[in-house]
PDB file of all heavy atoms in Angstrom:
ATOM      1  N   LYS A   1     -29.421  58.203 -13.921  1.00  0.00           N
ATOM      2  CA  LYS A   1     -28.740  57.614 -12.745  1.00  0.00           C
ATOM      3  C   LYS A   1     -29.632  57.264 -11.717  1.00  0.00           C
ATOM      4  O   LYS A   1     -30.907  57.799 -11.612  1.00  0.00           O
ATOM      5  CB  LYS A   1     -27.673  58.761 -12.203  1.00  0.00           C
ATOM      6  CG  LYS A   1     -26.441  58.935 -13.077  1.00  0.00           C
ATOM      7  CD  LYS A   1     -25.395  59.927 -12.383  1.00  0.00           C
ATOM      8  CE  LYS A   1     -24.244  59.934 -13.143  1.00  0.00           C
ATOM      9  NZ  LYS A   1     -23.255  60.810 -12.357  1.00  0.00           N
ATOM     10  N   ALA A   2     -29.194  56.395 -10.785  1.00  0.00           N
ATOM     11  CA  ALA A   2     -30.127  56.039  -9.683  1.00  0.00           C
ATOM     12  C   ALA A   2     -30.096  57.099  -8.575  1.00  0.00           C
ATOM     13  O   ALA A   2     -29.268  58.013  -8.426  1.00  0.00           O
ATOM     14  CB  ALA A   2     -29.615  54.777  -9.039  1.00  0.00           C
ATOM     15  N   ARG A   3     -31.175  57.161  -7.744  1.00  0.00           N
ATOM     16  CA  ARG A   3     -31.400  58.052  -6.758  1.00  0.00           C
ATOM     17  C   ARG A   3     -30.396  57.767  -5.672  1.00  0.00           C
ATOM     18  O   ARG A   3     -30.018  56.598  -5.357  1.00  0.00           O
ATOM     19  CB  ARG A   3     -32.867  57.952  -6.233  1.00  0.00           C
ATOM     20  CG  ARG A   3     -33.023  58.969  -5.111  1.00  0.00           C
ATOM     21  CD  ARG A   3     -34.502  58.821  -4.606  1.00  0.00           C
ATOM     22  NE  ARG A   3     -34.703  57.543  -3.829  1.00  0.00           N
ATOM     23  CZ  ARG A   3     -35.813  56.899  -3.761  1.00  0.00           C
ATOM     24  NH1 ARG A   3     -37.050  57.471  -4.253  1.00  0.00           N
ATOM     25  NH2 ARG A   3     -35.896  55.666  -3.158  1.00  0.00           N
ATOM     26  N   GLU A   4     -29.815  58.780  -5.141  1.00  0.00           N
ATOM     27  CA  GLU A   4     -28.721  58.583  -4.099  1.00  0.00           C
ATOM     28  C   GLU A   4     -29.068  59.494  -2.893  1.00  0.00           C
ATOM     29  O   GLU A   4     -29.499  60.711  -3.048  1.00  0.00           O
ATOM     30  CB  GLU A   4     -27.370  58.842  -4.630  1.00  0.00           C
ATOM     31  CG  GLU A   4     -27.108  60.231  -5.187  1.00  0.00           C
ATOM     32  CD  GLU A   4     -25.681  60.412  -5.540  1.00  0.00           C
ATOM     33  OE1 GLU A   4     -24.847  59.647  -5.221  1.00  0.00           O
ATOM     34  OE2 GLU A   4     -25.474  61.509  -6.134  1.00  0.00           O
ATOM     35  N   GLY A   5     -28.664  59.000  -1.711  1.00  0.00           N
ATOM     36  CA  GLY A   5     -28.811  59.795  -0.562  1.00  0.00           C
ATOM     37  C   GLY A   5     -27.802  60.994  -0.410  1.00  0.00           C
ATOM     38  O   GLY A   5     -26.657  60.768  -0.798  1.00  0.00           O
ATOM     39  N   VAL A   6     -28.302  62.004   0.110  1.00  0.00           N
ATOM     40  CA  VAL A   6     -27.326  63.227   0.279  1.00  0.00           C
ATOM     41  C   VAL A   6     -26.954  63.531   1.702  1.00  0.00           C
ATOM     42  O   VAL A   6     -25.864  63.574   2.109  1.00  0.00           O
ATOM     43  CB  VAL A   6     -27.864  64.489  -0.438  1.00  0.00           C
ATOM     44  CG1 VAL A   6     -26.960  65.716  -0.215  1.00  0.00           C
ATOM     45  CG2 VAL A   6     -28.062  64.264  -1.890  1.00  0.00           C
ATOM     46  N   ALA A   7     -28.076  63.561   2.440  1.00  0.00           N
ATOM     47  CA  ALA A   7     -27.955  63.864   3.887  1.00  0.00           C
ATOM     48  C   ALA A   7     -29.339  63.691   4.573  1.00  0.00           C
ATOM     49  O   ALA A   7     -30.253  63.377   3.983  1.00  0.00           O
ATOM     50  CB  ALA A   7     -27.557  65.398   4.059  1.00  0.00           C
ATOM     51  N   SER A   8     -29.280  63.460   5.801  1.00  0.00           N
ATOM     52  CA  SER A   8     -30.335  63.237   6.632  1.00  0.00           C
ATOM     53  C   SER A   8     -30.212  63.972   8.095  1.00  0.00           C
ATOM     54  O   SER A   8     -29.066  64.306   8.540  1.00  0.00           O
ATOM     55  CB  SER A   8     -30.689  61.718   6.905  1.00  0.00           C
ATOM     56  OG  SER A   8     -29.660  61.136   7.663  1.00  0.00           O
ATOM     57  N   ILE A   9     -31.231  64.179   8.689  1.00  0.00           N
ATOM     58  CA  ILE A   9     -31.296  64.870   9.939  1.00  0.00           C
ATOM     59  C   ILE A   9     -32.468  64.375  10.840  1.00  0.00           C
ATOM     60  O   ILE A   9     -33.695  64.123  10.358  1.00  0.00           O
ATOM     61  CB  ILE A   9     -31.434  66.409   9.905  1.00  0.00           C
ATOM     62  CG1 ILE A   9     -31.187  67.121  11.152  1.00  0.00           C
ATOM     63  CG2 ILE A   9     -32.703  66.774   9.139  1.00  0.00           C
ATOM     64  CD1 ILE A   9     -30.955  68.572  11.052  1.00  0.00           C
ATOM     65  N   SER A  10     -32.171  64.044  12.058  1.00  0.00           N
ATOM     66  CA  SER A  10     -33.271  63.534  13.016  1.00  0.00           C
ATOM     67  C   SER A  10     -34.233  64.684  13.342  1.00  0.00           C
ATOM     68  O   SER A  10     -33.935  65.865  13.113  1.00  0.00           O
ATOM     69  CB  SER A  10     -32.507  62.945  14.230  1.00  0.00           C
ATOM     70  OG  SER A  10     -31.781  63.925  15.003  1.00  0.00           O
ATOM     71  N   SER A  11     -35.248  64.179  13.940  1.00  0.00           N
ATOM     72  CA  SER A  11     -36.494  65.128  14.400  1.00  0.00           C
ATOM     73  C   SER A  11     -35.992  66.307  15.208  1.00  0.00           C
ATOM     74  O   SER A  11     -36.428  67.439  14.845  1.00  0.00           O
ATOM     75  CB  SER A  11     -37.496  64.343  15.019  1.00  0.00           C
ATOM     76  OG  SER A  11     -37.065  63.731  16.231  1.00  0.00           O
ATOM     77  N   ALA A  12     -35.077  66.022  16.058  1.00  0.00           N
ATOM     78  CA  ALA A  12     -34.553  67.141  16.949  1.00  0.00           C
ATOM     79  C   ALA A  12     -33.305  67.929  16.375  1.00  0.00           C
ATOM     80  O   ALA A  12     -32.720  68.717  16.920  1.00  0.00           O
ATOM     81  CB  ALA A  12     -34.489  66.716  18.296  1.00  0.00           C
ATOM     82  N   GLY A  13     -32.745  67.302  15.329  1.00  0.00           N
ATOM     83  CA  GLY A  13     -31.535  67.805  14.697  1.00  0.00           C
ATOM     84  C   GLY A  13     -30.300  67.302  15.299  1.00  0.00           C
ATOM     85  O   GLY A  13     -29.211  67.781  14.916  1.00  0.00           O
ATOM     86  N   GLY A  14     -30.350  66.343  16.243  1.00  0.00           N
ATOM     87  CA  GLY A  14     -29.085  65.769  16.902  1.00  0.00           C
ATOM     88  C   GLY A  14     -28.264  64.856  16.128  1.00  0.00           C
ATOM     89  O   GLY A  14     -27.077  64.866  16.397  1.00  0.00           O
ATOM     90  N   ASP A  15     -28.872  64.162  15.279  1.00  0.00           N
ATOM     91  CA  ASP A  15     -28.175  63.145  14.460  1.00  0.00           C
ATOM     92  C   ASP A  15     -28.138  63.715  12.899  1.00  0.00           C
ATOM     93  O   ASP A  15     -29.284  63.889  12.362  1.00  0.00           O
ATOM     94  CB  ASP A  15     -28.865  61.866  14.588  1.00  0.00           C
ATOM     95  CG  ASP A  15     -28.641  61.218  15.911  1.00  0.00           C
ATOM     96  OD1 ASP A  15     -27.616  61.394  16.545  1.00  0.00           O
ATOM     97  OD2 ASP A  15     -29.686  60.656  16.365  1.00  0.00           O
ATOM     98  N   LYS A  16     -27.044  63.688  12.366  1.00  0.00           N
ATOM     99  CA  LYS A  16     -26.880  64.118  10.938  1.00  0.00           C
ATOM    100  C   LYS A  16     -25.959  63.151  10.223  1.00  0.00           C
ATOM    101  O   LYS A  16     -25.080  62.556  10.858  1.00  0.00           O
ATOM    102  CB  LYS A  16     -26.270  65.582  10.873  1.00  0.00           C
ATOM    103  CG  LYS A  16     -27.056  66.620  11.469  1.00  0.00           C
ATOM    104  CD  LYS A  16     -26.406  67.923  11.375  1.00  0.00           C
ATOM    105  CE  LYS A  16     -27.155  69.020  12.147  1.00  0.00           C
ATOM    106  NZ  LYS A  16     -26.411  70.349  12.042  1.00  0.00           N
ATOM    107  N   ASP A  17     -26.343  62.780   9.001  1.00  0.00           N
ATOM    108  CA  ASP A  17     -25.616  61.923   8.139  1.00  0.00           C
ATOM    109  C   ASP A  17     -25.463  62.519   6.774  1.00  0.00           C
ATOM    110  O   ASP A  17     -26.332  63.197   6.254  1.00  0.00           O
ATOM    111  CB  ASP A  17     -26.577  60.642   8.097  1.00  0.00           C
ATOM    112  CG  ASP A  17     -25.695  59.419   7.441  1.00  0.00           C
ATOM    113  OD1 ASP A  17     -24.600  59.531   7.433  1.00  0.00           O
ATOM    114  OD2 ASP A  17     -26.412  58.510   6.894  1.00  0.00           O
ATOM    115  N   TYR A  18     -24.277  62.368   6.277  1.00  0.00           N
ATOM    116  CA  TYR A  18     -23.906  62.926   5.049  1.00  0.00           C
ATOM    117  C   TYR A  18     -23.314  61.814   4.072  1.00  0.00           C
ATOM    118  O   TYR A  18     -22.506  60.989   4.533  1.00  0.00           O
ATOM    119  CB  TYR A  18     -22.885  64.027   5.130  1.00  0.00           C
ATOM    120  CG  TYR A  18     -23.419  65.325   5.767  1.00  0.00           C
ATOM    121  CD1 TYR A  18     -23.100  65.351   7.107  1.00  0.00           C
ATOM    122  CD2 TYR A  18     -24.147  66.222   5.192  1.00  0.00           C
ATOM    123  CE1 TYR A  18     -23.544  66.462   7.871  1.00  0.00           C
ATOM    124  CE2 TYR A  18     -24.539  67.294   5.951  1.00  0.00           C
ATOM    125  CZ  TYR A  18     -24.262  67.431   7.218  1.00  0.00           C
ATOM    126  OH  TYR A  18     -24.798  68.562   7.950  1.00  0.00           O
ATOM    127  N   ALA A  19     -23.587  61.954   2.842  1.00  0.00           N
ATOM    128  CA  ALA A  19     -22.781  61.193   1.793  1.00  0.00           C
ATOM    129  C   ALA A  19     -21.411  61.659   1.795  1.00  0.00           C
ATOM    130  O   ALA A  19     -21.013  62.832   1.900  1.00  0.00           O
ATOM    131  CB  ALA A  19     -23.497  61.277   0.430  1.00  0.00           C
ATOM    132  N   ASP A  20     -20.427  60.745   1.500  1.00  0.00           N
ATOM    133  CA  ASP A  20     -19.127  61.131   1.406  1.00  0.00           C
ATOM    134  C   ASP A  20     -18.821  62.101   0.312  1.00  0.00           C
ATOM    135  O   ASP A  20     -18.015  62.983   0.462  1.00  0.00           O
ATOM    136  CB  ASP A  20     -18.165  59.946   1.110  1.00  0.00           C
ATOM    137  CG  ASP A  20     -18.098  58.841   2.302  1.00  0.00           C
ATOM    138  OD1 ASP A  20     -18.307  59.278   3.415  1.00  0.00           O
ATOM    139  OD2 ASP A  20     -17.802  57.762   2.047  1.00  0.00           O
ATOM    140  N   SER A  21     -19.496  62.154  -0.667  1.00  0.00           N
ATOM    141  CA  SER A  21     -19.333  63.105  -1.709  1.00  0.00           C
ATOM    142  C   SER A  21     -19.744  64.526  -1.484  1.00  0.00           C
ATOM    143  O   SER A  21     -19.297  65.458  -2.191  1.00  0.00           O
ATOM    144  CB  SER A  21     -20.281  62.679  -3.037  1.00  0.00           C
ATOM    145  OG  SER A  21     -21.498  62.658  -2.695  1.00  0.00           O
ATOM    146  N   VAL A  22     -20.438  64.785  -0.281  1.00  0.00           N
ATOM    147  CA  VAL A  22     -20.778  66.204  -0.061  1.00  0.00           C
ATOM    148  C   VAL A  22     -20.235  66.598   1.282  1.00  0.00           C
ATOM    149  O   VAL A  22     -20.448  67.806   1.805  1.00  0.00           O
ATOM    150  CB  VAL A  22     -22.293  66.359  -0.038  1.00  0.00           C
ATOM    151  CG1 VAL A  22     -22.972  65.857  -1.346  1.00  0.00           C
ATOM    152  CG2 VAL A  22     -23.029  65.471   1.093  1.00  0.00           C
ATOM    153  N   LYS A  23     -19.658  65.648   2.124  1.00  0.00           N
ATOM    154  CA  LYS A  23     -19.035  66.044   3.376  1.00  0.00           C
ATOM    155  C   LYS A  23     -18.085  67.199   3.257  1.00  0.00           C
ATOM    156  O   LYS A  23     -17.312  67.176   2.456  1.00  0.00           O
ATOM    157  CB  LYS A  23     -18.344  64.885   3.992  1.00  0.00           C
ATOM    158  CG  LYS A  23     -19.293  63.729   4.530  1.00  0.00           C
ATOM    159  CD  LYS A  23     -18.487  62.561   5.189  1.00  0.00           C
ATOM    160  CE  LYS A  23     -19.429  61.612   5.839  1.00  0.00           C
ATOM    161  NZ  LYS A  23     -18.690  60.413   6.340  1.00  0.00           N
ATOM    162  N   GLY A  24     -18.304  68.279   4.142  1.00  0.00           N
ATOM    163  CA  GLY A  24     -17.558  69.331   4.158  1.00  0.00           C
ATOM    164  C   GLY A  24     -17.994  70.432   3.254  1.00  0.00           C
ATOM    165  O   GLY A  24     -17.449  71.558   3.295  1.00  0.00           O
ATOM    166  N   ARG A  25     -18.823  70.155   2.450  1.00  0.00           N
ATOM    167  CA  ARG A  25     -19.574  71.139   1.477  1.00  0.00           C
ATOM    168  C   ARG A  25     -20.987  71.372   1.769  1.00  0.00           C
ATOM    169  O   ARG A  25     -21.396  72.595   1.632  1.00  0.00           O
ATOM    170  CB  ARG A  25     -19.366  70.653   0.057  1.00  0.00           C
ATOM    171  CG  ARG A  25     -17.960  70.440  -0.407  1.00  0.00           C
ATOM    172  CD  ARG A  25     -17.839  70.189  -1.919  1.00  0.00           C
ATOM    173  NE  ARG A  25     -18.585  68.936  -2.340  1.00  0.00           N
ATOM    174  CZ  ARG A  25     -19.550  68.899  -3.120  1.00  0.00           C
ATOM    175  NH1 ARG A  25     -20.009  70.019  -3.724  1.00  0.00           N
ATOM    176  NH2 ARG A  25     -20.246  67.736  -3.480  1.00  0.00           N
ATOM    177  N   PHE A  26     -21.701  70.382   2.119  1.00  0.00           N
ATOM    178  CA  PHE A  26     -23.184  70.437   2.355  1.00  0.00           C
ATOM    179  C   PHE A  26     -23.432  70.411   3.799  1.00  0.00           C
ATOM    180  O   PHE A  26     -22.729  69.831   4.563  1.00  0.00           O
ATOM    181  CB  PHE A  26     -24.008  69.413   1.655  1.00  0.00           C
ATOM    182  CG  PHE A  26     -24.023  69.445   0.265  1.00  0.00           C
ATOM    183  CD1 PHE A  26     -23.208  70.308  -0.527  1.00  0.00           C
ATOM    184  CD2 PHE A  26     -24.899  68.536  -0.464  1.00  0.00           C
ATOM    185  CE1 PHE A  26     -23.266  70.298  -1.791  1.00  0.00           C
ATOM    186  CE2 PHE A  26     -24.965  68.692  -1.852  1.00  0.00           C
ATOM    187  CZ  PHE A  26     -24.137  69.514  -2.524  1.00  0.00           C
ATOM    188  N   THR A  27     -24.397  71.093   4.474  1.00  0.00           N
ATOM    189  CA  THR A  27     -24.738  71.183   5.688  1.00  0.00           C
ATOM    190  C   THR A  27     -26.272  71.103   5.763  1.00  0.00           C
ATOM    191  O   THR A  27     -26.989  71.927   5.260  1.00  0.00           O
ATOM    192  CB  THR A  27     -24.358  72.535   6.479  1.00  0.00           C
ATOM    193  OG1 THR A  27     -22.821  72.646   6.318  1.00  0.00           O
ATOM    194  CG2 THR A  27     -24.718  72.406   7.911  1.00  0.00           C
ATOM    195  N   ILE A  28     -26.756  70.093   6.585  1.00  0.00           N
ATOM    196  CA  ILE A  28     -28.200  69.991   6.816  1.00  0.00           C
ATOM    197  C   ILE A  28     -28.533  70.516   8.216  1.00  0.00           C
ATOM    198  O   ILE A  28     -27.767  70.318   9.200  1.00  0.00           O
ATOM    199  CB  ILE A  28     -28.636  68.458   6.740  1.00  0.00           C
ATOM    200  CG1 ILE A  28     -30.100  68.334   6.581  1.00  0.00           C
ATOM    201  CG2 ILE A  28     -27.907  67.667   7.740  1.00  0.00           C
ATOM    202  CD1 ILE A  28     -30.717  67.068   6.239  1.00  0.00           C
TER     203      ILE A  28
END
C-alpha cells in the first residue's frame, strides 16, 4: 500500500491534524 498520513502536530503543539480513519482513536 501507499504511504498515508496519520497525524501531525505543530512545533508548539497548537495545531493538530488527523486522518479521518484515526480521529477519535489516535492522539498526537
